[in-house]
Amino acid sequence: MDTNDAERVQLAVGSVVGARHRRLGRPNQDAAATLRSPHGLALAVCDGCGSGARSEIGAALGARLWTVAIAERLADGGALTAADFDALATAVLARLATVADLLGADRAQVTRDHLLFTSVCAAITDDQVAVVAIGDGVVGLGDDVHVLGPFEDNAPPYLTEAWFGVTRAPVVWLRARGELDRLVLATDGAAPLVGDALTALGASDTTFSNRAALTRRLTLLAEDQVDIDWEQHRTARRAALLDDDTTLVLARWSPS
């Protein structure tokens, strides 16, 4: 992907603390990262495990490490395959292992506290859109939207469980770039948006022209709303649409 083509792919990133976490005084445990290179775009959203003491740390590290690993693979050239994503997961795990070892001798405890997160990642090149998911989330490939999860006992797969013998195959989508004109990557908190709300966010020029626009819109959707009936002199409260932390990366480009 040459620099001019990379610039023609518009990106929007937004993230918000869900209403439930806000009530509990907890931080946003989601993270997103994007990385442009001469060879393509690397994108990632990660969602830290809700029971982890500081799983937002793992989510942030994971999102960054996924995009770095994807960008390194894109520099090698050629289309991505499912096997490539297996290799990328191994590379991310190896780099996370260094961090885990620095955080303490008990890797199991370090992982439970800091390093359990889901991953939804993608590469966009001149010729291909490739997406991988480990755990729950939302993937939109043009009009084709996939909601992953919920999983039994609210326990989605996590990349770092591989350290403890738990192996779960990534879910991979491979599409020709010319088949699509947009891509959505999101954490599972975005599931209530699937449909008209998600379509409207992706269709808005403001979403892509104003760096803060997507987060502002998500913030409104994560707040309770009050409807006023002036004739009846009463109010009604509607619960926030986004109860869970929600993070989106939206990409769009002109179809070929």
C-alpha atoms as a PDB file:
ATOM      1  CA  MET A   1       0.000   0.000   0.000  1.00  0.00           C
ATOM      2  CA  ASP A   2       1.585   3.272  -1.034  1.00  0.00           C
ATOM      3  CA  THR A   3       1.368   6.318   1.210  1.00  0.00           C
ATOM      4  CA  ASN A   4      -1.256   8.034  -0.923  1.00  0.00           C
ATOM      5  CA  ASP A   5      -3.557   5.024  -0.785  1.00  0.00           C
ATOM      6  CA  ALA A   6      -3.068   4.684   2.967  1.00  0.00           C
ATOM      7  CA  GLU A   7      -4.136   8.259   3.429  1.00  0.00           C
ATOM      8  CA  ARG A   8      -7.312   7.614   1.435  1.00  0.00           C
ATOM      9  CA  VAL A   9      -8.513   5.177   4.098  1.00  0.00           C
ATOM     10  CA  GLN A  10     -10.339   7.290   6.662  1.00  0.00           C
ATOM     11  CA  LEU A  11     -10.206   6.197  10.285  1.00  0.00           C
ATOM     12  CA  ALA A  12     -12.275   7.059  13.339  1.00  0.00           C
ATOM     13  CA  VAL A  13     -11.600   5.806  16.856  1.00  0.00           C
ATOM     14  CA  GLY A  14     -13.899   6.187  19.844  1.00  0.00           C
ATOM     15  CA  SER A  15     -14.059   4.748  23.343  1.00  0.00           C
ATOM     16  CA  VAL A  16     -16.250   5.316  26.375  1.00  0.00           C
ATOM     17  CA  VAL A  17     -16.700   3.948  29.890  1.00  0.00           C
ATOM     18  CA  GLY A  18     -19.950   1.994  30.049  1.00  0.00           C
ATOM     19  CA  ALA A  19     -22.735   3.127  32.348  1.00  0.00           C
ATOM     20  CA  ARG A  20     -22.212   0.132  34.674  1.00  0.00           C
ATOM     21  CA  HIS A  21     -18.512   0.807  35.141  1.00  0.00           C
ATOM     22  CA  ARG A  22     -19.174   4.498  35.649  1.00  0.00           C
ATOM     23  CA  ARG A  23     -21.632   3.722  38.457  1.00  0.00           C
ATOM     24  CA  LEU A  24     -19.007   1.507  40.097  1.00  0.00           C
ATOM     25  CA  GLY A  25     -16.253   4.092  39.664  1.00  0.00           C
ATOM     26  CA  ARG A  26     -14.201   1.741  37.485  1.00  0.00           C
ATOM     27  CA  PRO A  27     -12.009   2.848  34.567  1.00  0.00           C
ATOM     28  CA  ASN A  28     -12.489   2.044  30.903  1.00  0.00           C
ATOM     29  CA  GLN A  29     -10.979  -1.415  30.437  1.00  0.00           C
ATOM     30  CA  ASP A  30     -11.016  -1.208  26.616  1.00  0.00           C
ATOM     31  CA  ALA A  31      -8.227  -0.012  24.367  1.00  0.00           C
ATOM     32  CA  ALA A  32      -7.671   0.674  20.670  1.00  0.00           C
ATOM     33  CA  ALA A  33      -4.617   1.184  18.485  1.00  0.00           C
ATOM     34  CA  THR A  34      -4.052   2.050  14.838  1.00  0.00           C
ATOM     35  CA  LEU A  35      -0.809   2.045  12.902  1.00  0.00           C
ATOM     36  CA  ARG A  36      -0.315   3.363   9.362  1.00  0.00           C
ATOM     37  CA  SER A  37       2.657   2.206   7.337  1.00  0.00           C
ATOM     38  CA  PRO A  38       3.689   2.273   3.668  1.00  0.00           C
ATOM     39  CA  HIS A  39       2.539  -1.354   3.475  1.00  0.00           C
ATOM     40  CA  GLY A  40      -0.940  -0.992   4.949  1.00  0.00           C
ATOM     41  CA  LEU A  41      -2.970  -0.261   8.034  1.00  0.00           C
ATOM     42  CA  ALA A  42      -2.939  -2.254  11.266  1.00  0.00           C
ATOM     43  CA  LEU A  43      -5.928  -1.875  13.600  1.00  0.00           C
ATOM     44  CA  ALA A  44      -6.853  -3.406  16.948  1.00  0.00           C
ATOM     45  CA  VAL A  45      -9.411  -3.167  19.745  1.00  0.00           C
ATOM     46  CA  CYS A  46      -8.961  -5.075  22.996  1.00  0.00           C
ATOM     47  CA  ASP A  47     -11.278  -5.513  25.970  1.00  0.00           C
ATOM     48  CA  GLY A  48      -9.831  -6.236  29.400  1.00  0.00           C
ATOM     49  CA  CYS A  49     -11.471  -8.882  31.562  1.00  0.00           C
ATOM     50  CA  GLY A  50     -13.989  -7.228  33.870  1.00  0.00           C
ATOM     51  CA  SER A  51     -12.846  -9.167  36.932  1.00  0.00           C
ATOM     52  CA  GLY A  52      -9.196  -8.204  36.492  1.00  0.00           C
ATOM     53  CA  ALA A  53      -7.828  -5.691  38.977  1.00  0.00           C
ATOM     54  CA  ARG A  54      -6.151  -3.622  36.236  1.00  0.00           C
ATOM     55  CA  SER A  55      -6.964  -5.401  32.988  1.00  0.00           C
ATOM     56  CA  GLU A  56      -6.980  -2.097  31.118  1.00  0.00           C
ATOM     57  CA  ILE A  57      -3.180  -2.440  31.223  1.00  0.00           C
ATOM     58  CA  GLY A  58      -3.282  -5.681  29.259  1.00  0.00           C
ATOM     59  CA  ALA A  59      -5.832  -4.283  26.827  1.00  0.00           C
ATOM     60  CA  ALA A  60      -3.635  -1.274  26.048  1.00  0.00           C
ATOM     61  CA  LEU A  61      -0.505  -3.384  25.686  1.00  0.00           C
ATOM     62  CA  GLY A  62      -2.343  -5.946  23.593  1.00  0.00           C
ATOM     63  CA  ALA A  63      -3.787  -3.424  21.164  1.00  0.00           C
ATOM     64  CA  ARG A  64      -0.400  -1.817  20.627  1.00  0.00           C
ATOM     65  CA  LEU A  65       1.489  -5.100  20.277  1.00  0.00           C
ATOM     66  CA  TRP A  66      -1.059  -6.505  17.822  1.00  0.00           C
ATOM     67  CA  THR A  67      -0.726  -3.487  15.531  1.00  0.00           C
ATOM     68  CA  VAL A  68       3.081  -3.592  15.683  1.00  0.00           C
ATOM     69  CA  ALA A  69       3.122  -7.303  14.871  1.00  0.00           C
ATOM     70  CA  ILE A  70       0.652  -6.866  11.996  1.00  0.00           C
ATOM     71  CA  ALA A  71       2.650  -3.958  10.555  1.00  0.00           C
ATOM     72  CA  GLU A  72       5.826  -6.059  10.673  1.00  0.00           C
ATOM     73  CA  ARG A  73       4.060  -8.862   8.811  1.00  0.00           C
ATOM     74  CA  LEU A  74       2.716  -6.450   6.173  1.00  0.00           C
ATOM     75  CA  ALA A  75       6.264  -5.274   5.490  1.00  0.00           C
ATOM     76  CA  ASP A  76       7.071  -8.816   4.307  1.00  0.00           C
ATOM     77  CA  GLY A  77       4.495  -8.498   1.520  1.00  0.00           C
ATOM     78  CA  GLY A  78       1.912 -10.951   0.261  1.00  0.00           C
ATOM     79  CA  ALA A  79      -1.630 -11.693   1.352  1.00  0.00           C
ATOM     80  CA  LEU A  80      -2.314 -12.669   4.958  1.00  0.00           C
ATOM     81  CA  THR A  81      -3.592 -16.139   5.788  1.00  0.00           C
ATOM     82  CA  ALA A  82      -5.104 -17.782   8.856  1.00  0.00           C
ATOM     83  CA  ALA A  83      -1.680 -19.291   9.535  1.00  0.00           C
ATOM     84  CA  ASP A  84      -0.194 -15.790   9.575  1.00  0.00           C
ATOM     85  CA  PHE A  85      -2.578 -14.792  12.337  1.00  0.00           C
ATOM     86  CA  ASP A  86      -1.537 -17.833  14.366  1.00  0.00           C
ATOM     87  CA  ALA A  87       2.068 -16.689  14.007  1.00  0.00           C
ATOM     88  CA  LEU A  88       1.131 -13.118  14.935  1.00  0.00           C
ATOM     89  CA  ALA A  89      -0.657 -14.321  18.073  1.00  0.00           C
ATOM     90  CA  THR A  90       2.499 -16.204  19.037  1.00  0.00           C
ATOM     91  CA  ALA A  91       4.598 -13.079  18.487  1.00  0.00           C
ATOM     92  CA  VAL A  92       2.280 -10.942  20.631  1.00  0.00           C
ATOM     93  CA  LEU A  93       2.344 -13.570  23.383  1.00  0.00           C
ATOM     94  CA  ALA A  94       6.145 -13.673  23.354  1.00  0.00           C
ATOM     95  CA  ARG A  95       6.365  -9.908  23.828  1.00  0.00           C
ATOM     96  CA  LEU A  96       3.713  -9.951  26.538  1.00  0.00           C
ATOM     97  CA  ALA A  97       5.648 -12.676  28.344  1.00  0.00           C
ATOM     98  CA  THR A  98       8.520 -10.259  28.845  1.00  0.00           C
ATOM     99  CA  VAL A  99       6.129  -7.795  30.471  1.00  0.00           C
ATOM    100  CA  ALA A 100       4.530 -10.497  32.599  1.00  0.00           C
ATOM    101  CA  ASP A 101       7.904 -11.616  33.931  1.00  0.00           C
ATOM    102  CA  LEU A 102       8.745  -8.046  34.924  1.00  0.00           C
ATOM    103  CA  LEU A 103       5.462  -7.707  36.838  1.00  0.00           C
ATOM    104  CA  GLY A 104       6.069 -10.647  39.163  1.00  0.00           C
ATOM    105  CA  ALA A 105       7.129 -14.255  39.597  1.00  0.00           C
ATOM    106  CA  ASP A 106       3.575 -15.598  39.782  1.00  0.00           C
ATOM    107  CA  ARG A 107       2.567 -15.412  36.116  1.00  0.00           C
ATOM    108  CA  ALA A 108      -0.910 -16.817  36.779  1.00  0.00           C
ATOM    109  CA  GLN A 109      -1.687 -14.037  39.261  1.00  0.00           C
ATOM    110  CA  VAL A 110      -0.126 -11.368  37.042  1.00  0.00           C
ATOM    111  CA  THR A 111      -2.233 -12.593  34.148  1.00  0.00           C
ATOM    112  CA  ARG A 112      -5.471 -12.630  36.160  1.00  0.00           C
ATOM    113  CA  ASP A 113      -4.830  -9.113  37.443  1.00  0.00           C
ATOM    114  CA  HIS A 114      -3.463  -7.434  34.325  1.00  0.00           C
ATOM    115  CA  LEU A 115      -3.240  -9.468  31.137  1.00  0.00           C
ATOM    116  CA  LEU A 116      -6.596 -11.045  30.282  1.00  0.00           C
ATOM    117  CA  PHE A 117      -8.117  -9.318  27.250  1.00  0.00           C
ATOM    118  CA  THR A 118     -10.035 -10.106  24.085  1.00  0.00           C
ATOM    119  CA  SER A 119      -8.647  -9.106  20.692  1.00  0.00           C
ATOM    120  CA  VAL A 120     -10.290  -7.951  17.460  1.00  0.00           C
ATOM    121  CA  CYS A 121      -7.636  -6.911  14.934  1.00  0.00           C
ATOM    122  CA  ALA A 122      -7.303  -6.191  11.216  1.00  0.00           C
ATOM    123  CA  ALA A 123      -4.975  -5.387   8.361  1.00  0.00           C
ATOM    124  CA  ILE A 124      -5.996  -3.307   5.360  1.00  0.00           C
ATOM    125  CA  THR A 125      -3.778  -3.351   2.263  1.00  0.00           C
ATOM    126  CA  ASP A 126      -4.242  -2.404  -1.365  1.00  0.00           C
ATOM    127  CA  ASP A 127      -5.573  -5.869  -2.088  1.00  0.00           C
ATOM    128  CA  GLN A 128      -6.952  -7.310   1.112  1.00  0.00           C
ATOM    129  CA  VAL A 129      -8.905  -6.799   4.325  1.00  0.00           C
ATOM    130  CA  ALA A 130      -7.939  -9.421   6.911  1.00  0.00           C
ATOM    131  CA  VAL A 131      -9.540  -9.656  10.371  1.00  0.00           C
ATOM    132  CA  VAL A 132      -8.865 -11.872  13.377  1.00  0.00           C
ATOM    133  CA  ALA A 133     -10.838 -12.181  16.610  1.00  0.00           C
ATOM    134  CA  ILE A 134      -9.975 -13.974  19.834  1.00  0.00           C
ATOM    135  CA  GLY A 135     -12.913 -13.595  22.197  1.00  0.00           C
ATOM    136  CA  ASP A 136     -16.058 -11.530  21.902  1.00  0.00           C
ATOM    137  CA  GLY A 137     -16.640  -8.334  19.956  1.00  0.00           C
ATOM    138  CA  VAL A 138     -18.190  -6.964  16.767  1.00  0.00           C
ATOM    139  CA  VAL A 139     -16.774  -7.159  13.245  1.00  0.00           C
ATOM    140  CA  GLY A 140     -18.378  -5.336  10.325  1.00  0.00           C
ATOM    141  CA  LEU A 141     -17.179  -6.174   6.825  1.00  0.00           C
ATOM    142  CA  GLY A 142     -19.239  -3.848   4.685  1.00  0.00           C
ATOM    143  CA  ASP A 143     -22.882  -4.853   5.202  1.00  0.00           C
ATOM    144  CA  ASP A 144     -21.845  -8.168   6.775  1.00  0.00           C
ATOM    145  CA  VAL A 145     -21.814  -7.716  10.561  1.00  0.00           C
ATOM    146  CA  HIS A 146     -20.727 -10.436  12.988  1.00  0.00           C
ATOM    147  CA  VAL A 147     -21.414 -10.326  16.736  1.00  0.00           C
ATOM    148  CA  LEU A 148     -19.103 -12.686  18.624  1.00  0.00           C
ATOM    149  CA  GLY A 149     -20.397 -13.931  21.959  1.00  0.00           C
ATOM    150  CA  PRO A 150     -21.691 -13.923  24.554  1.00  0.00           C
ATOM    151  CA  PHE A 151     -19.783 -16.955  25.777  1.00  0.00           C
ATOM    152  CA  GLU A 152     -20.800 -19.421  28.456  1.00  0.00           C
ATOM    153  CA  ASP A 153     -20.372 -18.068  32.001  1.00  0.00           C
ATOM    154  CA  ASN A 154     -19.396 -14.713  30.456  1.00  0.00           C
ATOM    155  CA  ALA A 155     -15.921 -16.154  29.894  1.00  0.00           C
ATOM    156  CA  PRO A 156     -14.681 -15.382  26.367  1.00  0.00           C
ATOM    157  CA  PRO A 157     -11.359 -16.736  25.107  1.00  0.00           C
ATOM    158  CA  TYR A 158      -8.315 -14.670  26.029  1.00  0.00           C
ATOM    159  CA  LEU A 159      -5.020 -14.715  24.141  1.00  0.00           C
ATOM    160  CA  THR A 160      -2.865 -15.146  27.240  1.00  0.00           C
ATOM    161  CA  GLU A 161      -4.701 -18.288  28.359  1.00  0.00           C
ATOM    162  CA  ALA A 162      -2.363 -20.080  25.946  1.00  0.00           C
ATOM    163  CA  TRP A 163       0.317 -19.785  28.648  1.00  0.00           C
ATOM    164  CA  PHE A 164      -1.727 -22.200  30.757  1.00  0.00           C
ATOM    165  CA  GLY A 165      -2.543 -24.776  28.107  1.00  0.00           C
ATOM    166  CA  VAL A 166      -5.857 -23.317  26.960  1.00  0.00           C
ATOM    167  CA  THR A 167      -5.816 -23.152  23.162  1.00  0.00           C
ATOM    168  CA  ARG A 168      -8.631 -21.616  21.170  1.00  0.00           C
ATOM    169  CA  ALA A 169      -8.420 -21.062  17.436  1.00  0.00           C
ATOM    170  CA  PRO A 170      -8.787 -17.456  16.280  1.00  0.00           C
ATOM    171  CA  VAL A 171     -11.759 -16.574  14.078  1.00  0.00           C
ATOM    172  CA  VAL A 172     -10.440 -15.178  10.780  1.00  0.00           C
ATOM    173  CA  TRP A 173     -12.066 -13.341   7.876  1.00  0.00           C
ATOM    174  CA  LEU A 174     -10.176 -12.727   4.630  1.00  0.00           C
ATOM    175  CA  ARG A 175     -11.708 -10.481   1.972  1.00  0.00           C
ATOM    176  CA  ALA A 176     -10.517  -8.823  -1.201  1.00  0.00           C
ATOM    177  CA  ARG A 177     -10.210  -5.069  -0.603  1.00  0.00           C
ATOM    178  CA  GLY A 178     -12.329  -4.339  -3.683  1.00  0.00           C
ATOM    179  CA  GLU A 179     -15.297  -6.239  -2.225  1.00  0.00           C
ATOM    180  CA  LEU A 180     -15.700  -3.753   0.621  1.00  0.00           C
ATOM    181  CA  ASP A 181     -15.821  -0.035   1.280  1.00  0.00           C
ATOM    182  CA  ARG A 182     -15.762  -0.031   5.101  1.00  0.00           C
ATOM    183  CA  LEU A 183     -14.744  -1.962   8.179  1.00  0.00           C
ATOM    184  CA  VAL A 184     -15.855  -1.938  11.806  1.00  0.00           C
ATOM    185  CA  LEU A 185     -13.901  -3.383  14.725  1.00  0.00           C
ATOM    186  CA  ALA A 186     -15.485  -3.114  18.172  1.00  0.00           C
ATOM    187  CA  THR A 187     -15.481  -4.566  21.644  1.00  0.00           C
ATOM    188  CA  ASP A 188     -18.558  -6.465  22.786  1.00  0.00           C
ATOM    189  CA  GLY A 189     -19.974  -3.355  24.441  1.00  0.00           C
ATOM    190  CA  ALA A 190     -20.929  -2.148  20.956  1.00  0.00           C
ATOM    191  CA  ALA A 191     -23.412  -4.991  20.417  1.00  0.00           C
ATOM    192  CA  PRO A 192     -26.440  -2.754  21.234  1.00  0.00           C
ATOM    193  CA  LEU A 193     -25.380  -0.451  18.375  1.00  0.00           C
ATOM    194  CA  VAL A 194     -25.587  -3.147  15.700  1.00  0.00           C
ATOM    195  CA  GLY A 195     -28.167  -2.041  13.181  1.00  0.00           C
ATOM    196  CA  ASP A 196     -29.237   1.518  12.414  1.00  0.00           C
ATOM    197  CA  ALA A 197     -27.086   3.158  15.116  1.00  0.00           C
ATOM    198  CA  LEU A 198     -23.853   1.577  13.908  1.00  0.00           C
ATOM    199  CA  THR A 199     -24.714   2.300  10.289  1.00  0.00           C
ATOM    200  CA  ALA A 200     -25.355   5.961  11.100  1.00  0.00           C
ATOM    201  CA  LEU A 201     -22.035   6.328  12.910  1.00  0.00           C
ATOM    202  CA  GLY A 202     -20.140   4.894   9.959  1.00  0.00           C
ATOM    203  CA  ALA A 203     -22.019   7.008   7.418  1.00  0.00           C
ATOM    204  CA  SER A 204     -21.451  10.353   9.149  1.00  0.00           C
ATOM    205  CA  ASP A 205     -18.735  12.539   7.641  1.00  0.00           C
ATOM    206  CA  THR A 206     -18.317  14.199  11.047  1.00  0.00           C
ATOM    207  CA  THR A 207     -17.313  10.859  12.546  1.00  0.00           C
ATOM    208  CA  PHE A 208     -14.193  10.895  10.370  1.00  0.00           C
ATOM    209  CA  SER A 209     -13.457  14.614  10.098  1.00  0.00           C
ATOM    210  CA  ASN A 210     -13.529  15.380  13.845  1.00  0.00           C
ATOM    211  CA  ARG A 211     -11.180  13.240  15.957  1.00  0.00           C
ATOM    212  CA  ALA A 212     -13.381  13.613  19.034  1.00  0.00           C
ATOM    213  CA  ALA A 213     -16.740  13.094  17.341  1.00  0.00           C
ATOM    214  CA  LEU A 214     -17.060   9.338  17.757  1.00  0.00           C
ATOM    215  CA  THR A 215     -16.154   9.382  21.448  1.00  0.00           C
ATOM    216  CA  ARG A 216     -18.576  12.248  22.047  1.00  0.00           C
ATOM    217  CA  ARG A 217     -21.392  10.317  20.392  1.00  0.00           C
ATOM    218  CA  LEU A 218     -20.598   7.175  22.362  1.00  0.00           C
ATOM    219  CA  THR A 219     -20.523   9.216  25.575  1.00  0.00           C
ATOM    220  CA  LEU A 220     -24.102  10.357  24.966  1.00  0.00           C
ATOM    221  CA  LEU A 221     -25.188   6.781  24.345  1.00  0.00           C
ATOM    222  CA  ALA A 222     -23.554   5.693  27.627  1.00  0.00           C
ATOM    223  CA  GLU A 223     -25.643   8.142  29.674  1.00  0.00           C
ATOM    224  CA  ASP A 224     -29.194   7.742  30.953  1.00  0.00           C
ATOM    225  CA  GLN A 225     -31.670   9.842  29.009  1.00  0.00           C
ATOM    226  CA  VAL A 226     -34.615  11.807  30.406  1.00  0.00           C
ATOM    227  CA  ASP A 227     -37.753  12.209  28.285  1.00  0.00           C
ATOM    228  CA  ILE A 228     -40.014  15.121  29.228  1.00  0.00           C
ATOM    229  CA  ASP A 229     -43.761  15.020  28.575  1.00  0.00           C
ATOM    230  CA  TRP A 230     -44.668  18.696  28.856  1.00  0.00           C
ATOM    231  CA  GLU A 231     -48.400  18.107  28.471  1.00  0.00           C
ATOM    232  CA  GLN A 232     -48.547  15.484  31.224  1.00  0.00           C
ATOM    233  CA  HIS A 233     -45.969  17.327  33.360  1.00  0.00           C
ATOM    234  CA  ARG A 234     -43.882  14.253  33.948  1.00  0.00           C
ATOM    235  CA  THR A 235     -40.536  12.781  33.066  1.00  0.00           C
ATOM    236  CA  ALA A 236     -39.399   9.283  32.193  1.00  0.00           C
ATOM    237  CA  ARG A 237     -35.842   8.010  32.452  1.00  0.00           C
ATOM    238  CA  ARG A 238     -34.389   5.665  29.834  1.00  0.00           C
ATOM    239  CA  ALA A 239     -31.412   3.539  30.742  1.00  0.00           C
ATOM    240  CA  ALA A 240     -28.179   4.140  28.845  1.00  0.00           C
ATOM    241  CA  LEU A 241     -27.851   2.150  25.642  1.00  0.00           C
ATOM    242  CA  LEU A 242     -24.181   1.384  26.307  1.00  0.00           C
ATOM    243  CA  ASP A 243     -23.996  -0.337  29.675  1.00  0.00           C
ATOM    244  CA  ASP A 244     -20.555  -1.856  29.063  1.00  0.00           C
ATOM    245  CA  ASP A 245     -17.303  -0.170  28.050  1.00  0.00           C
ATOM    246  CA  THR A 246     -17.444   0.359  24.295  1.00  0.00           C
ATOM    247  CA  THR A 247     -14.635   0.939  21.814  1.00  0.00           C
ATOM    248  CA  LEU A 248     -14.874   1.217  18.036  1.00  0.00           C
ATOM    249  CA  VAL A 249     -12.438   1.581  15.178  1.00  0.00           C
ATOM    250  CA  LEU A 250     -14.181   2.558  11.941  1.00  0.00           C
ATOM    251  CA  ALA A 251     -12.479   2.586   8.547  1.00  0.00           C
ATOM    252  CA  ARG A 252     -13.911   3.584   5.191  1.00  0.00           C
ATOM    253  CA  TRP A 253     -12.589   4.068   1.689  1.00  0.00           C
ATOM    254  CA  SER A 254     -13.861   4.567  -1.833  1.00  0.00           C
ATOM    255  CA  PRO A 255     -14.809   1.254  -3.457  1.00  0.00           C
ATOM    256  CA  SER A 256     -12.602   0.156  -6.323  1.00  0.00           C
END
